[in-house]
Amino acid sequence: MTEFERSRTLPALPELVFEQAANLDRIDSWLPHELHVREADPPAVTVHDDETGRDEAALLRARREQMRMEWGTREDGRYTGWLQVAGAGSGASEVTVHLSFLQGGHVPPREAVERALDESLARLAEEVRLRVDDAG
C-alpha cells in the first residue's frame, strides 16, 4: 500500500470549509482538473478521468457530523481516500486529504500525486475565499 497526505490551514470556519468541500454540485471546482464526479445512487458516484477517458465506479460519503468525506473505488477497492476538516482556532480550519493506493501497480508517480494534492487544496482554499467574500 502507498499513502499520501497533505494539509492546509484555511482562514474560515470548519463548517463552511466542509460544506464547500462536500458540495457535489461544486466538487469539480477543487478536485484535480481532469477528474469529474457525477452522482449516481448515493453513496455511488461515477468519476470520469479526462486523461484516460475512462469512467470509474466509486463511492463517496460525506459525514457532516464528523466533517469528514471518504471515497474509494467501488468494484476492486484499489484506491481510497478521505478529507477531514478540523477547527484550528481563531475561526480557522485545518483541511487534511489522505490517499491510499492499495495495489502497487496502480500508483501514480509520487510527484504527480503530491502536486495534485497541493493544487486541489489551493483550489479549495480559493473556493472558500470566494464564498467568504460573497457572504461578507
Protein backbone atom coordinates (compact mmCIF):
# COMPACT_ATOMS: atom_id res chain seq x y z
CA MET A 1 0.00 0.00 0.00
CA THR A 2 1.20 3.50 -0.86
CA GLU A 3 -0.16 6.51 1.01
CA PHE A 4 -0.05 10.26 0.51
CA GLU A 5 -1.26 13.06 2.78
CA ARG A 6 -1.34 16.85 2.64
CA SER A 7 -2.81 19.50 4.96
CA ARG A 8 -3.56 23.18 4.65
CA THR A 9 -4.87 25.81 7.04
CA LEU A 10 -7.73 27.98 5.75
CA PRO A 11 -8.95 31.24 7.32
CA ALA A 12 -12.60 30.13 7.58
CA LEU A 13 -14.82 28.25 9.99
CA PRO A 14 -14.63 24.45 9.68
CA GLU A 15 -18.36 24.14 8.91
CA LEU A 16 -18.04 26.49 5.94
CA VAL A 17 -14.95 24.69 4.63
CA PHE A 18 -16.58 21.29 4.92
CA GLU A 19 -19.78 22.50 3.26
CA GLN A 20 -17.75 23.77 0.30
CA ALA A 21 -15.67 20.58 0.04
CA ALA A 22 -18.66 18.22 0.30
CA ASN A 23 -20.94 20.08 -2.14
CA LEU A 24 -21.28 17.59 -5.03
CA ASP A 25 -22.51 20.35 -7.34
CA ARG A 26 -19.20 22.20 -6.81
CA ILE A 27 -16.77 19.36 -6.08
CA ASP A 28 -15.17 19.60 -9.54
CA SER A 29 -14.09 23.15 -8.65
CA TRP A 30 -11.41 21.85 -6.27
CA LEU A 31 -10.66 18.30 -7.47
CA PRO A 32 -7.80 17.77 -9.91
CA HIS A 33 -8.83 19.33 -13.26
CA GLU A 34 -9.01 16.00 -15.07
CA LEU A 35 -11.48 14.40 -12.60
CA HIS A 36 -15.24 14.92 -12.74
CA VAL A 37 -17.73 13.40 -10.27
CA ARG A 38 -21.28 12.51 -11.27
CA GLU A 39 -23.71 11.44 -8.58
CA ALA A 40 -25.40 8.10 -9.27
CA ASP A 41 -27.33 6.43 -6.44
CA PRO A 42 -25.71 7.85 -3.27
CA PRO A 43 -23.24 6.97 -1.99
CA ALA A 44 -22.44 5.67 -5.51
CA VAL A 45 -20.78 8.11 -7.89
CA THR A 46 -19.02 7.88 -11.23
CA VAL A 47 -15.65 9.54 -11.63
CA HIS A 48 -14.62 10.48 -15.17
CA ASP A 49 -10.90 10.91 -15.87
CA ASP A 50 -10.24 13.20 -18.84
CA GLU A 51 -6.67 11.90 -19.21
CA THR A 52 -7.71 8.27 -19.69
CA GLY A 53 -11.24 8.88 -20.98
CA ARG A 54 -12.45 6.24 -18.51
CA ASP A 55 -15.30 6.26 -16.04
CA GLU A 56 -14.68 4.65 -12.66
CA ALA A 57 -17.42 3.37 -10.36
CA ALA A 58 -16.76 4.83 -6.92
CA LEU A 59 -18.31 5.54 -3.54
CA LEU A 60 -18.33 8.95 -1.86
CA ARG A 61 -19.70 9.55 1.62
CA ALA A 62 -19.86 12.86 3.42
CA ARG A 63 -20.19 12.58 7.19
CA ARG A 64 -21.23 16.08 8.14
CA GLU A 65 -21.31 15.39 11.89
CA GLN A 66 -17.61 14.41 11.67
CA MET A 67 -16.71 16.94 8.93
CA ARG A 68 -15.21 14.03 7.01
CA MET A 69 -15.52 12.76 3.44
CA GLU A 70 -14.47 9.24 2.43
CA TRP A 71 -14.21 7.79 -1.07
CA GLY A 72 -12.87 4.85 -2.99
CA THR A 73 -13.25 2.62 -6.00
CA ARG A 74 -16.39 0.51 -5.89
CA GLU A 75 -15.57 -2.79 -7.57
CA ASP A 76 -11.96 -3.56 -6.71
CA GLY A 77 -11.12 -1.44 -3.65
CA ARG A 78 -7.71 -0.50 -5.09
CA TYR A 79 -7.97 3.17 -4.14
CA THR A 80 -9.37 5.01 -1.11
CA GLY A 81 -9.14 8.47 0.31
CA TRP A 82 -10.53 10.85 2.86
CA LEU A 83 -10.76 14.56 3.62
CA GLN A 84 -11.02 15.79 7.19
CA VAL A 85 -11.79 19.34 8.32
CA ALA A 86 -10.95 20.39 11.87
CA GLY A 87 -11.04 23.65 13.75
CA ALA A 88 -7.65 25.35 14.05
CA GLY A 89 -8.68 28.14 16.43
CA SER A 90 -9.50 31.81 15.81
CA GLY A 91 -12.02 30.95 13.10
CA ALA A 92 -9.54 28.97 11.01
CA SER A 93 -9.65 25.38 9.78
CA GLU A 94 -7.16 22.62 9.07
CA VAL A 95 -8.02 20.51 6.00
CA THR A 96 -6.24 17.17 5.53
CA VAL A 97 -6.52 14.98 2.44
CA HIS A 98 -5.25 11.39 2.57
CA LEU A 99 -4.97 8.95 -0.36
CA SER A 100 -4.24 5.22 -0.23
CA PHE A 101 -3.35 3.13 -3.27
CA LEU A 102 -3.83 -0.48 -2.28
CA GLN A 103 -2.35 -2.20 -5.34
CA GLY A 104 1.23 -1.28 -6.21
CA GLY A 105 0.77 -1.42 -9.98
CA HIS A 106 -1.80 1.38 -9.95
CA VAL A 107 0.20 4.02 -8.06
CA PRO A 108 0.85 7.25 -9.98
CA PRO A 109 4.28 8.89 -9.60
CA ARG A 110 4.76 10.44 -6.13
CA GLU A 111 5.50 13.91 -7.54
CA ALA A 112 2.27 13.90 -9.58
CA VAL A 113 0.13 12.87 -6.59
CA GLU A 114 1.74 15.40 -4.26
CA ARG A 115 1.34 18.17 -6.86
CA ALA A 116 -2.34 17.21 -7.40
CA LEU A 117 -3.00 17.25 -3.64
CA ASP A 118 -1.34 20.66 -3.21
CA GLU A 119 -3.23 22.10 -6.21
CA SER A 120 -6.54 20.67 -5.00
CA LEU A 121 -6.10 22.17 -1.54
CA ALA A 122 -5.18 25.51 -3.12
CA ARG A 123 -8.29 25.38 -5.30
CA LEU A 124 -10.45 24.50 -2.29
CA ALA A 125 -8.92 27.44 -0.40
CA GLU A 126 -9.80 29.74 -3.30
CA GLU A 127 -13.39 28.44 -3.44
CA VAL A 128 -13.75 29.01 0.31
CA ARG A 129 -12.24 32.51 -0.01
CA LEU A 130 -14.73 33.39 -2.76
CA ARG A 131 -17.62 32.12 -0.65
CA VAL A 132 -16.46 34.09 2.41
CA ASP A 133 -16.01 37.23 0.27
CA ASP A 134 -19.51 36.80 -1.21
CA ALA A 135 -21.00 36.38 2.28
CA GLY A 136 -19.18 39.46 3.56
